[in-house]
N, C-alpha and C. Protein backbone atom coordinates (compact mmCIF):
# COMPACT_ATOMS: atom_id res chain seq x y z
N MET A 1 -48.23 -24.13 -46.75
CA MET A 1 -47.70 -25.41 -46.92
C MET A 1 -47.67 -25.68 -48.46
N LEU A 2 -48.83 -25.47 -49.01
CA LEU A 2 -48.65 -25.51 -50.52
C LEU A 2 -47.93 -24.73 -51.25
N GLY A 3 -47.56 -23.66 -50.81
CA GLY A 3 -46.60 -22.64 -51.30
C GLY A 3 -45.19 -23.06 -51.13
N LEU A 4 -45.00 -23.65 -50.01
CA LEU A 4 -43.64 -24.22 -49.76
C LEU A 4 -43.23 -25.40 -50.81
N GLY A 5 -44.13 -26.28 -50.88
CA GLY A 5 -44.22 -27.33 -51.92
C GLY A 5 -43.79 -26.84 -53.26
N PHE A 6 -44.58 -25.92 -53.82
CA PHE A 6 -44.28 -25.20 -55.05
C PHE A 6 -42.86 -24.73 -55.19
N PHE A 7 -42.49 -24.05 -54.19
CA PHE A 7 -41.05 -23.42 -54.20
C PHE A 7 -40.09 -24.45 -54.18
N ILE A 8 -40.29 -25.62 -53.37
CA ILE A 8 -39.12 -26.72 -53.36
C ILE A 8 -39.29 -27.36 -54.90
N ASP A 9 -40.33 -27.37 -55.34
CA ASP A 9 -40.45 -28.08 -56.82
C ASP A 9 -39.66 -27.06 -57.81
N TRP A 10 -39.91 -25.86 -57.83
CA TRP A 10 -39.40 -25.03 -58.65
C TRP A 10 -37.75 -24.96 -58.40
N LEU A 11 -37.42 -25.10 -57.07
CA LEU A 11 -35.86 -25.03 -56.88
C LEU A 11 -35.31 -26.30 -57.40
N ALA A 12 -36.04 -27.38 -57.21
CA ALA A 12 -35.37 -28.69 -57.73
C ALA A 12 -35.26 -28.57 -59.32
N LYS A 13 -36.48 -28.05 -59.91
CA LYS A 13 -36.37 -28.02 -61.51
C LYS A 13 -35.27 -27.01 -61.92
N ARG A 14 -35.03 -26.01 -61.10
CA ARG A 14 -33.98 -25.02 -61.47
C ARG A 14 -32.53 -25.61 -61.20
N LYS A 15 -32.47 -26.57 -60.36
CA LYS A 15 -31.13 -27.37 -60.53
C LYS A 15 -31.01 -28.25 -61.28
N GLY A 16 -31.95 -28.72 -62.02
CA GLY A 16 -31.82 -29.68 -63.00
C GLY A 16 -32.39 -31.01 -62.48
N LEU A 17 -33.06 -31.23 -61.49
CA LEU A 17 -33.56 -32.28 -60.92
C LEU A 17 -35.02 -32.56 -61.45
N ASP A 18 -35.00 -32.94 -62.72
CA ASP A 18 -36.43 -33.10 -63.43
C ASP A 18 -37.02 -34.59 -63.29
N HIS A 19 -36.07 -35.59 -63.30
CA HIS A 19 -36.52 -36.92 -63.36
C HIS A 19 -36.39 -37.70 -62.07
N TYR A 20 -37.38 -38.00 -61.28
CA TYR A 20 -37.46 -38.73 -60.16
C TYR A 20 -38.07 -40.08 -60.49
N SER A 21 -37.26 -41.14 -60.16
CA SER A 21 -37.60 -42.43 -60.50
C SER A 21 -37.59 -43.32 -59.10
N PRO A 22 -38.78 -43.65 -58.83
CA PRO A 22 -38.93 -44.46 -57.54
C PRO A 22 -38.13 -45.71 -57.69
N GLU A 23 -38.01 -46.38 -58.98
CA GLU A 23 -37.36 -47.75 -59.12
C GLU A 23 -35.65 -47.44 -58.79
N GLU A 24 -35.22 -46.21 -59.15
CA GLU A 24 -33.81 -45.92 -59.12
C GLU A 24 -33.56 -45.64 -57.71
N ASN A 25 -34.47 -44.79 -56.98
CA ASN A 25 -34.21 -44.54 -55.48
C ASN A 25 -34.27 -45.90 -54.83
N GLU A 26 -35.02 -46.89 -55.10
CA GLU A 26 -35.34 -48.11 -54.42
C GLU A 26 -33.86 -48.85 -54.39
N ARG A 27 -33.15 -48.69 -55.70
CA ARG A 27 -31.89 -49.29 -55.84
C ARG A 27 -30.84 -48.90 -54.89
N ASN A 28 -31.02 -47.73 -54.41
CA ASN A 28 -29.96 -47.06 -53.76
C ASN A 28 -30.23 -47.17 -52.23
N VAL A 29 -31.07 -47.78 -51.75
CA VAL A 29 -31.38 -47.93 -50.32
C VAL A 29 -30.81 -49.03 -50.04
N SER A 30 -29.95 -48.94 -48.93
CA SER A 30 -29.43 -50.07 -48.12
C SER A 30 -30.45 -51.05 -47.56
N GLU A 31 -29.94 -52.39 -47.37
CA GLU A 31 -30.91 -53.35 -46.89
C GLU A 31 -31.22 -53.08 -45.41
N SER A 32 -30.21 -52.62 -44.64
CA SER A 32 -30.57 -52.23 -43.30
C SER A 32 -31.63 -51.10 -43.20
N GLU A 33 -31.59 -50.29 -43.99
CA GLU A 33 -32.48 -49.05 -44.09
C GLU A 33 -33.77 -49.56 -44.62
N ARG A 34 -33.92 -50.39 -45.55
CA ARG A 34 -35.31 -51.07 -46.09
C ARG A 34 -35.90 -51.87 -44.80
N ILE A 35 -35.04 -52.57 -44.14
CA ILE A 35 -35.73 -53.41 -43.04
C ILE A 35 -36.27 -52.56 -42.02
N TYR A 36 -35.53 -51.33 -41.61
CA TYR A 36 -35.78 -50.58 -40.52
C TYR A 36 -37.07 -49.85 -40.92
N THR A 37 -37.39 -49.37 -42.16
CA THR A 37 -38.52 -48.68 -42.64
C THR A 37 -39.65 -49.66 -42.62
N GLU A 38 -39.50 -50.76 -43.20
CA GLU A 38 -40.68 -51.73 -43.15
C GLU A 38 -41.15 -52.11 -41.77
N THR A 39 -40.10 -52.29 -41.07
CA THR A 39 -40.49 -52.56 -39.38
C THR A 39 -41.33 -51.38 -38.79
N TYR A 40 -40.86 -50.27 -39.06
CA TYR A 40 -41.66 -48.99 -38.61
C TYR A 40 -42.94 -48.91 -39.09
N MET A 41 -43.04 -49.20 -40.47
CA MET A 41 -44.53 -49.18 -41.09
C MET A 41 -45.41 -50.23 -40.58
N ASN A 42 -44.84 -51.48 -40.36
CA ASN A 42 -45.69 -52.38 -39.69
C ASN A 42 -46.11 -52.09 -38.16
N GLN A 43 -45.22 -51.54 -37.60
CA GLN A 43 -45.48 -51.14 -36.20
C GLN A 43 -46.48 -49.90 -36.23
N MET A 44 -46.50 -49.04 -37.18
CA MET A 44 -47.49 -47.92 -37.18
C MET A 44 -48.92 -48.62 -37.72
N ARG A 45 -48.74 -49.56 -38.62
CA ARG A 45 -49.90 -50.11 -39.11
C ARG A 45 -50.67 -50.91 -37.82
N ASN A 46 -49.89 -51.66 -37.10
CA ASN A 46 -50.50 -52.41 -35.89
C ASN A 46 -51.06 -51.25 -34.71
N ASN A 47 -50.35 -50.30 -34.77
CA ASN A 47 -50.86 -49.33 -33.75
C ASN A 47 -52.21 -48.79 -34.21
N ASN A 48 -52.36 -48.55 -35.47
CA ASN A 48 -53.58 -47.89 -36.05
C ASN A 48 -54.82 -48.96 -36.08
N ASP A 49 -54.37 -50.43 -36.20
CA ASP A 49 -55.43 -51.24 -36.15
C ASP A 49 -56.05 -51.31 -34.78
N GLN A 50 -55.32 -51.19 -33.70
CA GLN A 50 -55.73 -51.22 -32.40
C GLN A 50 -56.83 -50.18 -32.04
N GLY A 51 -56.76 -49.01 -32.68
CA GLY A 51 -57.74 -47.90 -32.40
C GLY A 51 -57.19 -47.04 -31.29
N PRO A 52 -57.64 -45.83 -31.30
CA PRO A 52 -57.31 -44.72 -30.40
C PRO A 52 -57.53 -44.90 -28.92
N LEU A 53 -58.46 -45.94 -28.65
CA LEU A 53 -58.91 -45.87 -27.20
C LEU A 53 -58.43 -47.13 -26.47
N GLN A 54 -57.58 -47.83 -27.10
CA GLN A 54 -56.98 -48.98 -26.48
C GLN A 54 -55.44 -48.86 -26.08
């Protein structure tokens, strides 16, 4: 798994993708995708708070 990560990073750098900016990526996300992601994360948090036996 770690080797795959190194390979993907090497490939990205080779293609010239050196700068990754979370702020820039955040600007390119649509409002509906942001709402979907936040809703999913809230559901996962609620499922984890309930515990595995409930």
